[in-house]
């Protein structure tokens, strides 16, 4: 049982629970995309060039639209049968071009973090109570033209009450 081993001071890496977390299959296997209502590029797609700095391995994912990425572009994966507890999901990404600083989000269930215009890791924590976690990246009120990400990772911190006590005591 993962709860017996994980804590805030010693989380368990559970990235293995994510299908194709680094997009090394050279496609979006394991991920579902949601289109917006525009006729131009309709969603996120796989890339394997060097445009994203610090990408891991071969591939990464992007969406682009000049004049600003419309609302409703999304890519997600739902993990089922995972242990209940506190999780942290991290991606390496950015939102750039145009005003490129708001409107691209990483969700872990209903919790979110804004992915900004700096190439870096962005993390969000959530509590799982029904053995299910949805990792989602989406555009909402986006003011940039180019959103990209790679290196999806996940840590498990164990029982949420114990983790919360550890965080308060730290």
C-alpha atoms as a PDB file:
ATOM      1  CA  UNK A   1       0.000   0.000   0.000  1.00  0.00           C
ATOM      2  CA  UNK A   2       1.485   3.345  -1.068  1.00  0.00           C
ATOM      3  CA  UNK A   3       0.051   5.117   1.997  1.00  0.00           C
ATOM      4  CA  UNK A   4       2.397   3.134   4.216  1.00  0.00           C
ATOM      5  CA  UNK A   5       5.484   4.431   2.400  1.00  0.00           C
ATOM      6  CA  UNK A   6       4.722   7.999   1.294  1.00  0.00           C
ATOM      7  CA  UNK A   7       4.904  11.266   3.225  1.00  0.00           C
ATOM      8  CA  UNK A   8       5.506  14.939   2.569  1.00  0.00           C
ATOM      9  CA  UNK A   9       9.175  14.530   3.464  1.00  0.00           C
ATOM     10  CA  UNK A  10       9.459  11.356   1.385  1.00  0.00           C
ATOM     11  CA  UNK A  11       6.884  11.293  -1.439  1.00  0.00           C
ATOM     12  CA  UNK A  12       6.608   8.309  -3.783  1.00  0.00           C
ATOM     13  CA  UNK A  13       7.156   8.934  -7.506  1.00  0.00           C
ATOM     14  CA  UNK A  14       4.079   7.468  -9.224  1.00  0.00           C
ATOM     15  CA  UNK A  15       4.679   8.841 -12.714  1.00  0.00           C
ATOM     16  CA  UNK A  16       4.459   5.217 -13.896  1.00  0.00           C
ATOM     17  CA  UNK A  17       0.658   5.472 -13.444  1.00  0.00           C
ATOM     18  CA  UNK A  18       0.488   7.994 -16.318  1.00  0.00           C
ATOM     19  CA  UNK A  19       0.377   6.618 -19.867  1.00  0.00           C
ATOM     20  CA  UNK A  20       2.919   8.304 -22.160  1.00  0.00           C
ATOM     21  CA  UNK A  21       3.913  11.044 -19.665  1.00  0.00           C
ATOM     22  CA  UNK A  22       6.855  12.268 -21.755  1.00  0.00           C
ATOM     23  CA  UNK A  23       5.245  11.669 -25.169  1.00  0.00           C
ATOM     24  CA  UNK A  24       8.024   9.275 -26.112  1.00  0.00           C
ATOM     25  CA  UNK A  25       5.567   7.141 -28.094  1.00  0.00           C
ATOM     26  CA  UNK A  26       5.823  10.005 -30.642  1.00  0.00           C
ATOM     27  CA  UNK A  27       2.083  10.583 -30.405  1.00  0.00           C
ATOM     28  CA  UNK A  28      -0.670  11.341 -27.886  1.00  0.00           C
ATOM     29  CA  UNK A  29      -1.359   7.723 -26.855  1.00  0.00           C
ATOM     30  CA  UNK A  30      -3.166   7.707 -23.504  1.00  0.00           C
ATOM     31  CA  UNK A  31      -4.317  11.312 -23.799  1.00  0.00           C
ATOM     32  CA  UNK A  32      -7.658  12.718 -25.004  1.00  0.00           C
ATOM     33  CA  UNK A  33      -7.914  16.084 -26.747  1.00  0.00           C
ATOM     34  CA  UNK A  34     -10.855  18.474 -26.758  1.00  0.00           C
ATOM     35  CA  UNK A  35     -11.319  20.821 -29.688  1.00  0.00           C
ATOM     36  CA  UNK A  36     -12.394  24.434 -29.530  1.00  0.00           C
ATOM     37  CA  UNK A  37     -14.898  25.930 -31.975  1.00  0.00           C
ATOM     38  CA  UNK A  38     -12.477  27.589 -34.375  1.00  0.00           C
ATOM     39  CA  UNK A  39     -11.624  26.332 -37.832  1.00  0.00           C
ATOM     40  CA  UNK A  40      -7.862  26.819 -37.422  1.00  0.00           C
ATOM     41  CA  UNK A  41      -5.654  24.400 -35.415  1.00  0.00           C
ATOM     42  CA  UNK A  42      -8.252  22.639 -33.322  1.00  0.00           C
ATOM     43  CA  UNK A  43      -6.412  21.130 -30.388  1.00  0.00           C
ATOM     44  CA  UNK A  44      -3.068  20.060 -28.934  1.00  0.00           C
ATOM     45  CA  UNK A  45      -0.681  18.007 -31.076  1.00  0.00           C
ATOM     46  CA  UNK A  46       2.586  16.104 -30.722  1.00  0.00           C
ATOM     47  CA  UNK A  47       5.888  17.732 -31.763  1.00  0.00           C
ATOM     48  CA  UNK A  48       9.436  16.392 -31.964  1.00  0.00           C
ATOM     49  CA  UNK A  49      11.564  19.386 -32.914  1.00  0.00           C
ATOM     50  CA  UNK A  50      13.769  21.425 -30.568  1.00  0.00           C
ATOM     51  CA  UNK A  51      11.518  24.505 -30.166  1.00  0.00           C
ATOM     52  CA  UNK A  52      10.696  23.705 -26.532  1.00  0.00           C
ATOM     53  CA  UNK A  53      13.798  24.278 -24.450  1.00  0.00           C
ATOM     54  CA  UNK A  54      14.600  21.654 -21.841  1.00  0.00           C
ATOM     55  CA  UNK A  55      12.199  19.117 -23.287  1.00  0.00           C
ATOM     56  CA  UNK A  56      12.801  15.582 -22.071  1.00  0.00           C
ATOM     57  CA  UNK A  57      13.593  12.946 -24.668  1.00  0.00           C
ATOM     58  CA  UNK A  58      12.094  13.154 -28.113  1.00  0.00           C
ATOM     59  CA  UNK A  59       8.597  14.600 -27.968  1.00  0.00           C
ATOM     60  CA  UNK A  60       6.438  17.269 -26.426  1.00  0.00           C
ATOM     61  CA  UNK A  61       2.947  18.754 -26.963  1.00  0.00           C
ATOM     62  CA  UNK A  62       1.785  22.170 -28.147  1.00  0.00           C
ATOM     63  CA  UNK A  63      -1.112  24.245 -29.388  1.00  0.00           C
ATOM     64  CA  UNK A  64      -0.767  27.465 -31.381  1.00  0.00           C
ATOM     65  CA  UNK A  65      -3.008  30.124 -32.825  1.00  0.00           C
ATOM     66  CA  UNK A  66      -1.975  33.631 -33.870  1.00  0.00           C
ATOM     67  CA  UNK A  67      -4.061  36.306 -32.180  1.00  0.00           C
ATOM     68  CA  UNK A  68      -4.502  34.193 -29.057  1.00  0.00           C
ATOM     69  CA  UNK A  69      -5.464  30.609 -28.346  1.00  0.00           C
ATOM     70  CA  UNK A  70      -9.249  30.303 -27.963  1.00  0.00           C
ATOM     71  CA  UNK A  71     -10.976  28.925 -24.886  1.00  0.00           C
ATOM     72  CA  UNK A  72     -11.691  25.233 -24.740  1.00  0.00           C
ATOM     73  CA  UNK A  73      -8.564  23.616 -26.094  1.00  0.00           C
ATOM     74  CA  UNK A  74      -7.725  20.816 -23.717  1.00  0.00           C
ATOM     75  CA  UNK A  75      -5.791  17.599 -23.341  1.00  0.00           C
ATOM     76  CA  UNK A  76      -6.372  15.235 -20.456  1.00  0.00           C
ATOM     77  CA  UNK A  77      -5.876  11.786 -18.998  1.00  0.00           C
ATOM     78  CA  UNK A  78      -7.926  10.178 -16.224  1.00  0.00           C
ATOM     79  CA  UNK A  79      -6.131   7.739 -13.930  1.00  0.00           C
ATOM     80  CA  UNK A  80      -8.406   5.179 -12.282  1.00  0.00           C
ATOM     81  CA  UNK A  81      -7.777   2.664  -9.535  1.00  0.00           C
ATOM     82  CA  UNK A  82      -5.081   4.762  -7.873  1.00  0.00           C
ATOM     83  CA  UNK A  83      -4.664   4.990  -4.108  1.00  0.00           C
ATOM     84  CA  UNK A  84      -6.590   7.711  -2.319  1.00  0.00           C
ATOM     85  CA  UNK A  85      -4.429  10.443  -0.840  1.00  0.00           C
ATOM     86  CA  UNK A  86      -2.538  13.628  -1.631  1.00  0.00           C
ATOM     87  CA  UNK A  87      -0.908  13.917  -5.084  1.00  0.00           C
ATOM     88  CA  UNK A  88       1.225  16.495  -6.838  1.00  0.00           C
ATOM     89  CA  UNK A  89       1.237  16.729 -10.643  1.00  0.00           C
ATOM     90  CA  UNK A  90       4.078  18.604 -12.371  1.00  0.00           C
ATOM     91  CA  UNK A  91       4.664  19.565 -16.007  1.00  0.00           C
ATOM     92  CA  UNK A  92       7.397  21.504 -17.758  1.00  0.00           C
ATOM     93  CA  UNK A  93       5.781  24.122 -19.957  1.00  0.00           C
ATOM     94  CA  UNK A  94       5.065  27.679 -20.989  1.00  0.00           C
ATOM     95  CA  UNK A  95       2.550  30.073 -22.559  1.00  0.00           C
ATOM     96  CA  UNK A  96       4.301  32.489 -24.884  1.00  0.00           C
ATOM     97  CA  UNK A  97       3.882  34.985 -27.734  1.00  0.00           C
ATOM     98  CA  UNK A  98       1.160  37.606 -27.714  1.00  0.00           C
ATOM     99  CA  UNK A  99       0.831  38.682 -24.073  1.00  0.00           C
ATOM    100  CA  UNK A 100       1.578  35.079 -23.091  1.00  0.00           C
ATOM    101  CA  UNK A 101       1.233  35.102 -19.333  1.00  0.00           C
ATOM    102  CA  UNK A 102      -2.300  33.982 -18.458  1.00  0.00           C
ATOM    103  CA  UNK A 103      -4.937  31.533 -19.608  1.00  0.00           C
ATOM    104  CA  UNK A 104      -3.080  28.202 -19.808  1.00  0.00           C
ATOM    105  CA  UNK A 105      -3.717  25.912 -16.842  1.00  0.00           C
ATOM    106  CA  UNK A 106      -2.646  22.585 -15.409  1.00  0.00           C
ATOM    107  CA  UNK A 107      -5.419  20.864 -13.482  1.00  0.00           C
ATOM    108  CA  UNK A 108      -5.235  17.933 -11.085  1.00  0.00           C
ATOM    109  CA  UNK A 109      -8.913  17.145 -10.559  1.00  0.00           C
ATOM    110  CA  UNK A 110     -10.431  20.542  -9.613  1.00  0.00           C
ATOM    111  CA  UNK A 111      -7.210  22.213  -8.428  1.00  0.00           C
ATOM    112  CA  UNK A 112      -5.188  24.262 -10.889  1.00  0.00           C
ATOM    113  CA  UNK A 113      -2.036  26.268 -11.433  1.00  0.00           C
ATOM    114  CA  UNK A 114      -1.363  28.870 -14.125  1.00  0.00           C
ATOM    115  CA  UNK A 115       1.373  27.968 -16.595  1.00  0.00           C
ATOM    116  CA  UNK A 116       3.187  31.222 -17.325  1.00  0.00           C
ATOM    117  CA  UNK A 117       5.586  32.596 -19.912  1.00  0.00           C
ATOM    118  CA  UNK A 118       8.729  31.120 -18.364  1.00  0.00           C
ATOM    119  CA  UNK A 119       9.982  27.677 -19.460  1.00  0.00           C
ATOM    120  CA  UNK A 120       9.871  25.869 -16.126  1.00  0.00           C
ATOM    121  CA  UNK A 121       8.120  23.255 -13.989  1.00  0.00           C
ATOM    122  CA  UNK A 122       4.587  24.013 -12.812  1.00  0.00           C
ATOM    123  CA  UNK A 123       2.990  21.917 -10.048  1.00  0.00           C
ATOM    124  CA  UNK A 124      -0.455  21.498  -8.511  1.00  0.00           C
ATOM    125  CA  UNK A 125      -1.602  19.324  -5.594  1.00  0.00           C
ATOM    126  CA  UNK A 126      -4.941  17.599  -5.145  1.00  0.00           C
ATOM    127  CA  UNK A 127      -6.553  15.074  -2.843  1.00  0.00           C
ATOM    128  CA  UNK A 128      -7.973  11.894  -4.376  1.00  0.00           C
ATOM    129  CA  UNK A 129     -10.894  10.352  -2.487  1.00  0.00           C
ATOM    130  CA  UNK A 130     -12.497   8.146  -5.166  1.00  0.00           C
ATOM    131  CA  UNK A 131      -9.399   6.377  -6.589  1.00  0.00           C
ATOM    132  CA  UNK A 132      -9.503   8.640  -9.662  1.00  0.00           C
ATOM    133  CA  UNK A 133      -7.397  11.602 -10.768  1.00  0.00           C
ATOM    134  CA  UNK A 134      -7.754  13.636 -13.959  1.00  0.00           C
ATOM    135  CA  UNK A 135      -4.701  15.484 -15.266  1.00  0.00           C
ATOM    136  CA  UNK A 136      -5.795  18.211 -17.678  1.00  0.00           C
ATOM    137  CA  UNK A 137      -4.155  21.109 -19.498  1.00  0.00           C
ATOM    138  CA  UNK A 138      -6.557  23.664 -20.924  1.00  0.00           C
ATOM    139  CA  UNK A 139      -6.966  27.198 -22.233  1.00  0.00           C
ATOM    140  CA  UNK A 140      -9.381  29.627 -20.556  1.00  0.00           C
ATOM    141  CA  UNK A 141      -9.141  33.347 -21.285  1.00  0.00           C
ATOM    142  CA  UNK A 142      -5.788  32.749 -22.943  1.00  0.00           C
ATOM    143  CA  UNK A 143      -3.729  35.764 -24.016  1.00  0.00           C
ATOM    144  CA  UNK A 144      -0.806  33.936 -25.609  1.00  0.00           C
ATOM    145  CA  UNK A 145      -0.346  32.347 -29.026  1.00  0.00           C
ATOM    146  CA  UNK A 146       1.768  29.311 -28.135  1.00  0.00           C
ATOM    147  CA  UNK A 147       1.223  26.872 -25.261  1.00  0.00           C
ATOM    148  CA  UNK A 148       3.537  23.886 -24.868  1.00  0.00           C
ATOM    149  CA  UNK A 149       4.368  21.256 -22.266  1.00  0.00           C
ATOM    150  CA  UNK A 150       6.306  18.039 -21.610  1.00  0.00           C
ATOM    151  CA  UNK A 151       7.548  15.876 -18.730  1.00  0.00           C
ATOM    152  CA  UNK A 152       4.302  15.126 -16.901  1.00  0.00           C
ATOM    153  CA  UNK A 153       5.231  13.752 -13.477  1.00  0.00           C
ATOM    154  CA  UNK A 154       3.321  12.755 -10.385  1.00  0.00           C
ATOM    155  CA  UNK A 155       4.191  12.300  -6.711  1.00  0.00           C
ATOM    156  CA  UNK A 156       2.113  10.663  -3.992  1.00  0.00           C
ATOM    157  CA  UNK A 157       2.300  12.145  -0.487  1.00  0.00           C
ATOM    158  CA  UNK A 158       0.130   9.576   1.274  1.00  0.00           C
ATOM    159  CA  UNK A 159      -2.821  10.074   3.552  1.00  0.00           C
ATOM    160  CA  UNK A 160      -4.032  13.672   3.076  1.00  0.00           C
ATOM    161  CA  UNK A 161      -4.566  14.316   6.799  1.00  0.00           C
ATOM    162  CA  UNK A 162      -1.066  13.133   7.702  1.00  0.00           C
ATOM    163  CA  UNK A 163       0.377  15.063   4.748  1.00  0.00           C
ATOM    164  CA  UNK A 164      -1.412  18.219   5.853  1.00  0.00           C
ATOM    165  CA  UNK A 165      -0.002  17.861   9.372  1.00  0.00           C
ATOM    166  CA  UNK A 166       3.497  17.373   7.879  1.00  0.00           C
ATOM    167  CA  UNK A 167       3.089  20.519   5.743  1.00  0.00           C
ATOM    168  CA  UNK A 168       1.907  22.595   8.709  1.00  0.00           C
ATOM    169  CA  UNK A 169       4.771  21.343  10.881  1.00  0.00           C
ATOM    170  CA  UNK A 170       7.434  21.951   8.184  1.00  0.00           C
END
